[in-house]
Amino acid sequence: MQLDGDAKDCGFKASVIYPALYYLPGSDGDCVALLASHVDDLRYTYLPEGEEVVAKFLQKFELGSRGR
């Protein structure tokens, strides 16, 4: 699966409980970003420390729209 490989290449870890959920550990080990996928939707949120990694990940995909 492309999304899985791309997320892991960027440093995200897959949830053991819910494989469509990924988290990004920060420098202190706490979560600094979350990604969740469902069919053709991608939801994400991040703290300032995770912003650059999320942006790098999103560049790998052709996105239709970004909501806030």
PDB file of N, CA and C in Angstrom:
ATOM      1  N   MET A   1       0.852  -1.171   0.000  1.00  0.00           N
ATOM      2  CA  MET A   1       0.000   0.000   0.000  1.00  0.00           C
ATOM      3  C   MET A   1       0.898   1.235   0.000  1.00  0.00           C
ATOM      4  N   GLN A   2       0.679   2.133  -0.934  1.00  0.00           N
ATOM      5  CA  GLN A   2       1.533   3.311  -1.079  1.00  0.00           C
ATOM      6  C   GLN A   2       1.472   4.221   0.139  1.00  0.00           C
ATOM      7  N   LEU A   3       0.297   4.495   0.650  1.00  0.00           N
ATOM      8  CA  LEU A   3       0.168   5.402   1.790  1.00  0.00           C
ATOM      9  C   LEU A   3       0.943   4.867   2.988  1.00  0.00           C
ATOM     10  N   ASP A   4       0.835   3.584   3.246  1.00  0.00           N
ATOM     11  CA  ASP A   4       1.530   2.969   4.374  1.00  0.00           C
ATOM     12  C   ASP A   4       3.043   3.157   4.246  1.00  0.00           C
ATOM     13  N   GLY A   5       3.583   2.861   3.101  1.00  0.00           N
ATOM     14  CA  GLY A   5       5.020   3.017   2.891  1.00  0.00           C
ATOM     15  C   GLY A   5       5.469   4.460   2.967  1.00  0.00           C
ATOM     16  N   ASP A   6       4.701   5.362   2.369  1.00  0.00           N
ATOM     17  CA  ASP A   6       5.054   6.784   2.405  1.00  0.00           C
ATOM     18  C   ASP A   6       4.995   7.337   3.827  1.00  0.00           C
ATOM     19  N   ALA A   7       3.981   6.947   4.584  1.00  0.00           N
ATOM     20  CA  ALA A   7       3.866   7.411   5.963  1.00  0.00           C
ATOM     21  C   ALA A   7       5.056   6.922   6.788  1.00  0.00           C
ATOM     22  N   LYS A   8       5.386   5.667   6.653  1.00  0.00           N
ATOM     23  CA  LYS A   8       6.505   5.107   7.406  1.00  0.00           C
ATOM     24  C   LYS A   8       7.843   5.707   6.963  1.00  0.00           C
ATOM     25  N   ASP A   9       7.991   5.978   5.681  1.00  0.00           N
ATOM     26  CA  ASP A   9       9.211   6.631   5.181  1.00  0.00           C
ATOM     27  C   ASP A   9       9.401   8.015   5.799  1.00  0.00           C
ATOM     28  N   CYS A  10       8.302   8.686   6.123  1.00  0.00           N
ATOM     29  CA  CYS A  10       8.362  10.023   6.724  1.00  0.00           C
ATOM     30  C   CYS A  10       8.536   9.969   8.243  1.00  0.00           C
ATOM     31  N   GLY A  11       8.506   8.777   8.822  1.00  0.00           N
ATOM     32  CA  GLY A  11       8.718   8.648  10.257  1.00  0.00           C
ATOM     33  C   GLY A  11       7.482   8.308  11.061  1.00  0.00           C
ATOM     34  N   PHE A  12       6.333   8.184  10.389  1.00  0.00           N
ATOM     35  CA  PHE A  12       5.110   7.817  11.090  1.00  0.00           C
ATOM     36  C   PHE A  12       5.141   6.347  11.476  1.00  0.00           C
ATOM     37  N   LYS A  13       4.457   6.025  12.538  1.00  0.00           N
ATOM     38  CA  LYS A  13       4.300   4.648  13.005  1.00  0.00           C
ATOM     39  C   LYS A  13       2.830   4.279  12.874  1.00  0.00           C
ATOM     40  N   ALA A  14       2.551   3.048  12.456  1.00  0.00           N
ATOM     41  CA  ALA A  14       1.163   2.589  12.337  1.00  0.00           C
ATOM     42  C   ALA A  14       0.652   2.121  13.693  1.00  0.00           C
ATOM     43  N   SER A  15      -0.592   2.427  13.966  1.00  0.00           N
ATOM     44  CA  SER A  15      -1.231   1.960  15.187  1.00  0.00           C
ATOM     45  C   SER A  15      -1.401   0.448  15.130  1.00  0.00           C
ATOM     46  N   VAL A  16      -1.146  -0.222  16.219  1.00  0.00           N
ATOM     47  CA  VAL A  16      -1.335  -1.670  16.301  1.00  0.00           C
ATOM     48  C   VAL A  16      -2.824  -1.997  16.354  1.00  0.00           C
ATOM     49  N   ILE A  17      -3.607  -1.132  16.959  1.00  0.00           N
ATOM     50  CA  ILE A  17      -5.036  -1.372  17.137  1.00  0.00           C
ATOM     51  C   ILE A  17      -5.837  -1.003  15.888  1.00  0.00           C
ATOM     52  N   TYR A  18      -5.468   0.100  15.243  1.00  0.00           N
ATOM     53  CA  TYR A  18      -6.207   0.599  14.082  1.00  0.00           C
ATOM     54  C   TYR A  18      -5.200   0.927  12.978  1.00  0.00           C
ATOM     55  N   PRO A  19      -4.942  -0.013  12.053  1.00  0.00           N
ATOM     56  CA  PRO A  19      -3.875   0.148  11.062  1.00  0.00           C
ATOM     57  C   PRO A  19      -3.998   1.351  10.127  1.00  0.00           C
ATOM     58  N   ALA A  20      -5.169   1.971  10.031  1.00  0.00           N
ATOM     59  CA  ALA A  20      -5.330   3.147   9.178  1.00  0.00           C
ATOM     60  C   ALA A  20      -5.003   4.436   9.923  1.00  0.00           C
ATOM     61  N   LEU A  21      -4.510   4.310  11.155  1.00  0.00           N
ATOM     62  CA  LEU A  21      -4.127   5.454  11.973  1.00  0.00           C
ATOM     63  C   LEU A  21      -2.614   5.432  12.163  1.00  0.00           C
ATOM     64  N   TYR A  22      -1.998   6.562  11.913  1.00  0.00           N
ATOM     65  CA  TYR A  22      -0.544   6.692  12.045  1.00  0.00           C
ATOM     66  C   TYR A  22      -0.239   7.832  13.005  1.00  0.00           C
ATOM     67  N   TYR A  23       0.832   7.679  13.767  1.00  0.00           N
ATOM     68  CA  TYR A  23       1.258   8.728  14.680  1.00  0.00           C
ATOM     69  C   TYR A  23       2.741   9.004  14.469  1.00  0.00           C
ATOM     70  N   LEU A  24       3.122  10.238  14.751  1.00  0.00           N
ATOM     71  CA  LEU A  24       4.510  10.656  14.594  1.00  0.00           C
ATOM     72  C   LEU A  24       5.075  10.980  15.967  1.00  0.00           C
ATOM     73  N   PRO A  25       6.033  10.191  16.424  1.00  0.00           N
ATOM     74  CA  PRO A  25       6.651  10.500  17.717  1.00  0.00           C
ATOM     75  C   PRO A  25       7.553  11.727  17.592  1.00  0.00           C
ATOM     76  N   GLY A  26       7.501  12.602  18.579  1.00  0.00           N
ATOM     77  CA  GLY A  26       8.341  13.791  18.592  1.00  0.00           C
ATOM     78  C   GLY A  26       9.684  13.511  19.244  1.00  0.00           C
ATOM     79  N   SER A  27      10.457  14.538  19.417  1.00  0.00           N
ATOM     80  CA  SER A  27      11.800  14.404  19.979  1.00  0.00           C
ATOM     81  C   SER A  27      11.786  13.858  21.403  1.00  0.00           C
ATOM     82  N   ASP A  28      10.688  14.080  22.124  1.00  0.00           N
ATOM     83  CA  ASP A  28      10.588  13.559  23.493  1.00  0.00           C
ATOM     84  C   ASP A  28       9.768  12.269  23.569  1.00  0.00           C
ATOM     85  N   GLY A  29       9.385  11.739  22.413  1.00  0.00           N
ATOM     86  CA  GLY A  29       8.621  10.497  22.367  1.00  0.00           C
ATOM     87  C   GLY A  29       7.120  10.680  22.357  1.00  0.00           C
ATOM     88  N   ASP A  30       6.639  11.875  22.683  1.00  0.00           N
ATOM     89  CA  ASP A  30       5.202  12.145  22.642  1.00  0.00           C
ATOM     90  C   ASP A  30       4.744  12.336  21.195  1.00  0.00           C
ATOM     91  N   CYS A  31       3.486  12.089  20.946  1.00  0.00           N
ATOM     92  CA  CYS A  31       2.911  12.227  19.612  1.00  0.00           C
ATOM     93  C   CYS A  31       2.851  13.703  19.206  1.00  0.00           C
ATOM     94  N   VAL A  32       3.359  14.011  17.989  1.00  0.00           N
ATOM     95  CA  VAL A  32       3.307  15.388  17.483  1.00  0.00           C
ATOM     96  C   VAL A  32       2.457  15.506  16.220  1.00  0.00           C
ATOM     97  N   ALA A  33       1.980  14.364  15.687  1.00  0.00           N
ATOM     98  CA  ALA A  33       1.112  14.400  14.507  1.00  0.00           C
ATOM     99  C   ALA A  33       0.336  13.095  14.405  1.00  0.00           C
ATOM    100  N   LEU A  34      -0.857  13.199  13.841  1.00  0.00           N
ATOM    101  CA  LEU A  34      -1.704  12.034  13.585  1.00  0.00           C
ATOM    102  C   LEU A  34      -2.184  12.083  12.142  1.00  0.00           C
ATOM    103  N   LEU A  35      -2.269  10.915  11.509  1.00  0.00           N
ATOM    104  CA  LEU A  35      -2.861  10.762  10.181  1.00  0.00           C
ATOM    105  C   LEU A  35      -3.862   9.625  10.269  1.00  0.00           C
ATOM    106  N   ALA A  36      -5.000   9.797   9.653  1.00  0.00           N
ATOM    107  CA  ALA A  36      -5.986   8.723   9.575  1.00  0.00           C
ATOM    108  C   ALA A  36      -6.518   8.674   8.149  1.00  0.00           C
ATOM    109  N   SER A  37      -6.600   7.474   7.596  1.00  0.00           N
ATOM    110  CA  SER A  37      -7.120   7.331   6.240  1.00  0.00           C
ATOM    111  C   SER A  37      -8.383   6.485   6.258  1.00  0.00           C
ATOM    112  N   HIS A  38      -9.297   6.817   5.350  1.00  0.00           N
ATOM    113  CA  HIS A  38     -10.518   6.048   5.176  1.00  0.00           C
ATOM    114  C   HIS A  38     -10.945   6.200   3.731  1.00  0.00           C
ATOM    115  N   VAL A  39     -10.951   5.100   3.014  1.00  0.00           N
ATOM    116  CA  VAL A  39     -11.270   5.061   1.588  1.00  0.00           C
ATOM    117  C   VAL A  39     -10.382   6.068   0.858  1.00  0.00           C
ATOM    118  N   ASP A  40     -10.927   7.187   0.386  1.00  0.00           N
ATOM    119  CA  ASP A  40     -10.098   8.168  -0.318  1.00  0.00           C
ATOM    120  C   ASP A  40      -9.973   9.480   0.455  1.00  0.00           C
ATOM    121  N   ASP A  41     -10.205   9.425   1.749  1.00  0.00           N
ATOM    122  CA  ASP A  41     -10.059  10.613   2.600  1.00  0.00           C
ATOM    123  C   ASP A  41      -8.851  10.454   3.513  1.00  0.00           C
ATOM    124  N   LEU A  42      -8.229  11.571   3.807  1.00  0.00           N
ATOM    125  CA  LEU A  42      -7.093  11.601   4.715  1.00  0.00           C
ATOM    126  C   LEU A  42      -7.314  12.731   5.703  1.00  0.00           C
ATOM    127  N   ARG A  43      -7.286  12.398   6.969  1.00  0.00           N
ATOM    128  CA  ARG A  43      -7.426  13.394   8.043  1.00  0.00           C
ATOM    129  C   ARG A  43      -6.094  13.478   8.757  1.00  0.00           C
ATOM    130  N   TYR A  44      -5.733  14.684   9.153  1.00  0.00           N
ATOM    131  CA  TYR A  44      -4.467  14.851   9.851  1.00  0.00           C
ATOM    132  C   TYR A  44      -4.530  16.039  10.795  1.00  0.00           C
ATOM    133  N   THR A  45      -3.689  15.983  11.777  1.00  0.00           N
ATOM    134  CA  THR A  45      -3.519  17.084  12.717  1.00  0.00           C
ATOM    135  C   THR A  45      -2.087  17.018  13.235  1.00  0.00           C
ATOM    136  N   TYR A  46      -1.571  18.156  13.665  1.00  0.00           N
ATOM    137  CA  TYR A  46      -0.177  18.166  14.108  1.00  0.00           C
ATOM    138  C   TYR A  46       0.088  19.336  15.046  1.00  0.00           C
ATOM    139  N   LEU A  47       1.120  19.156  15.837  1.00  0.00           N
ATOM    140  CA  LEU A  47       1.672  20.218  16.661  1.00  0.00           C
ATOM    141  C   LEU A  47       2.796  20.875  15.860  1.00  0.00           C
ATOM    142  N   PRO A  48       3.286  22.043  16.280  1.00  0.00           N
ATOM    143  CA  PRO A  48       4.338  22.715  15.517  1.00  0.00           C
ATOM    144  C   PRO A  48       5.537  21.813  15.178  1.00  0.00           C
ATOM    145  N   GLU A  49       5.933  20.936  16.082  1.00  0.00           N
ATOM    146  CA  GLU A  49       7.081  20.061  15.809  1.00  0.00           C
ATOM    147  C   GLU A  49       6.815  19.093  14.651  1.00  0.00           C
ATOM    148  N   GLY A  50       5.567  18.738  14.403  1.00  0.00           N
ATOM    149  CA  GLY A  50       5.240  17.790  13.347  1.00  0.00           C
ATOM    150  C   GLY A  50       4.868  18.416  12.015  1.00  0.00           C
ATOM    151  N   GLU A  51       4.777  19.731  11.961  1.00  0.00           N
ATOM    152  CA  GLU A  51       4.293  20.412  10.748  1.00  0.00           C
ATOM    153  C   GLU A  51       5.133  20.109   9.509  1.00  0.00           C
ATOM    154  N   GLU A  52       6.436  20.160   9.615  1.00  0.00           N
ATOM    155  CA  GLU A  52       7.310  19.940   8.453  1.00  0.00           C
ATOM    156  C   GLU A  52       7.172  18.511   7.917  1.00  0.00           C
ATOM    157  N   VAL A  53       7.078  17.554   8.802  1.00  0.00           N
ATOM    158  CA  VAL A  53       6.949  16.156   8.383  1.00  0.00           C
ATOM    159  C   VAL A  53       5.603  15.926   7.693  1.00  0.00           C
ATOM    160  N   VAL A  54       4.532  16.493   8.229  1.00  0.00           N
ATOM    161  CA  VAL A  54       3.215  16.353   7.607  1.00  0.00           C
ATOM    162  C   VAL A  54       3.226  16.997   6.216  1.00  0.00           C
ATOM    163  N   ALA A  55       3.808  18.164   6.092  1.00  0.00           N
ATOM    164  CA  ALA A  55       3.891  18.832   4.781  1.00  0.00           C
ATOM    165  C   ALA A  55       4.661  17.969   3.786  1.00  0.00           C
ATOM    166  N   LYS A  56       5.757  17.382   4.220  1.00  0.00           N
ATOM    167  CA  LYS A  56       6.557  16.495   3.351  1.00  0.00           C
ATOM    168  C   LYS A  56       5.719  15.298   2.911  1.00  0.00           C
ATOM    169  N   PHE A  57       4.984  14.715   3.840  1.00  0.00           N
ATOM    170  CA  PHE A  57       4.129  13.572   3.520  1.00  0.00           C
ATOM    171  C   PHE A  57       3.043  13.956   2.514  1.00  0.00           C
ATOM    172  N   LEU A  58       2.368  15.081   2.733  1.00  0.00           N
ATOM    173  CA  LEU A  58       1.267  15.495   1.859  1.00  0.00           C
ATOM    174  C   LEU A  58       1.722  15.810   0.444  1.00  0.00           C
ATOM    175  N   GLN A  59       2.968  16.217   0.265  1.00  0.00           N
ATOM    176  CA  GLN A  59       3.493  16.512  -1.074  1.00  0.00           C
ATOM    177  C   GLN A  59       3.553  15.267  -1.955  1.00  0.00           C
ATOM    178  N   LYS A  60       3.496  14.113  -1.351  1.00  0.00           N
ATOM    179  CA  LYS A  60       3.567  12.863  -2.113  1.00  0.00           C
ATOM    180  C   LYS A  60       2.251  12.527  -2.824  1.00  0.00           C
ATOM    181  N   PHE A  61       1.192  13.278  -2.510  1.00  0.00           N
ATOM    182  CA  PHE A  61      -0.127  12.957  -3.038  1.00  0.00           C
ATOM    183  C   PHE A  61      -0.737  14.154  -3.758  1.00  0.00           C
ATOM    184  N   GLU A  62      -1.576  13.852  -4.737  1.00  0.00           N
ATOM    185  CA  GLU A  62      -2.336  14.890  -5.420  1.00  0.00           C
ATOM    186  C   GLU A  62      -3.634  15.063  -4.650  1.00  0.00           C
ATOM    187  N   LEU A  63      -3.738  16.153  -3.914  1.00  0.00           N
ATOM    188  CA  LEU A  63      -4.893  16.387  -3.064  1.00  0.00           C
ATOM    189  C   LEU A  63      -5.922  17.255  -3.764  1.00  0.00           C
ATOM    190  N   GLY A  64      -7.183  16.879  -3.631  1.00  0.00           N
ATOM    191  CA  GLY A  64      -8.262  17.659  -4.237  1.00  0.00           C
ATOM    192  C   GLY A  64      -8.554  18.933  -3.485  1.00  0.00           C
ATOM    193  N   SER A  65      -8.707  18.824  -2.178  1.00  0.00           N
ATOM    194  CA  SER A  65      -8.998  20.016  -1.373  1.00  0.00           C
ATOM    195  C   SER A  65      -8.487  19.779   0.030  1.00  0.00           C
ATOM    196  N   ARG A  66      -8.262  20.887   0.721  1.00  0.00           N
ATOM    197  CA  ARG A  66      -7.804  20.832   2.098  1.00  0.00           C
ATOM    198  C   ARG A  66      -8.746  21.679   2.923  1.00  0.00           C
ATOM    199  N   GLY A  67      -9.398  21.040   3.880  1.00  0.00           N
ATOM    200  CA  GLY A  67     -10.301  21.757   4.772  1.00  0.00           C
ATOM    201  C   GLY A  67      -9.587  22.169   6.028  1.00  0.00           C
ATOM    202  N   ARG A  68     -10.134  23.132   6.700  1.00  0.00           N
ATOM    203  CA  ARG A  68      -9.555  23.578   7.983  1.00  0.00           C
ATOM    204  C   ARG A  68     -10.584  23.486   9.053  1.00  0.00           C
TER     205      ARG A  68
END
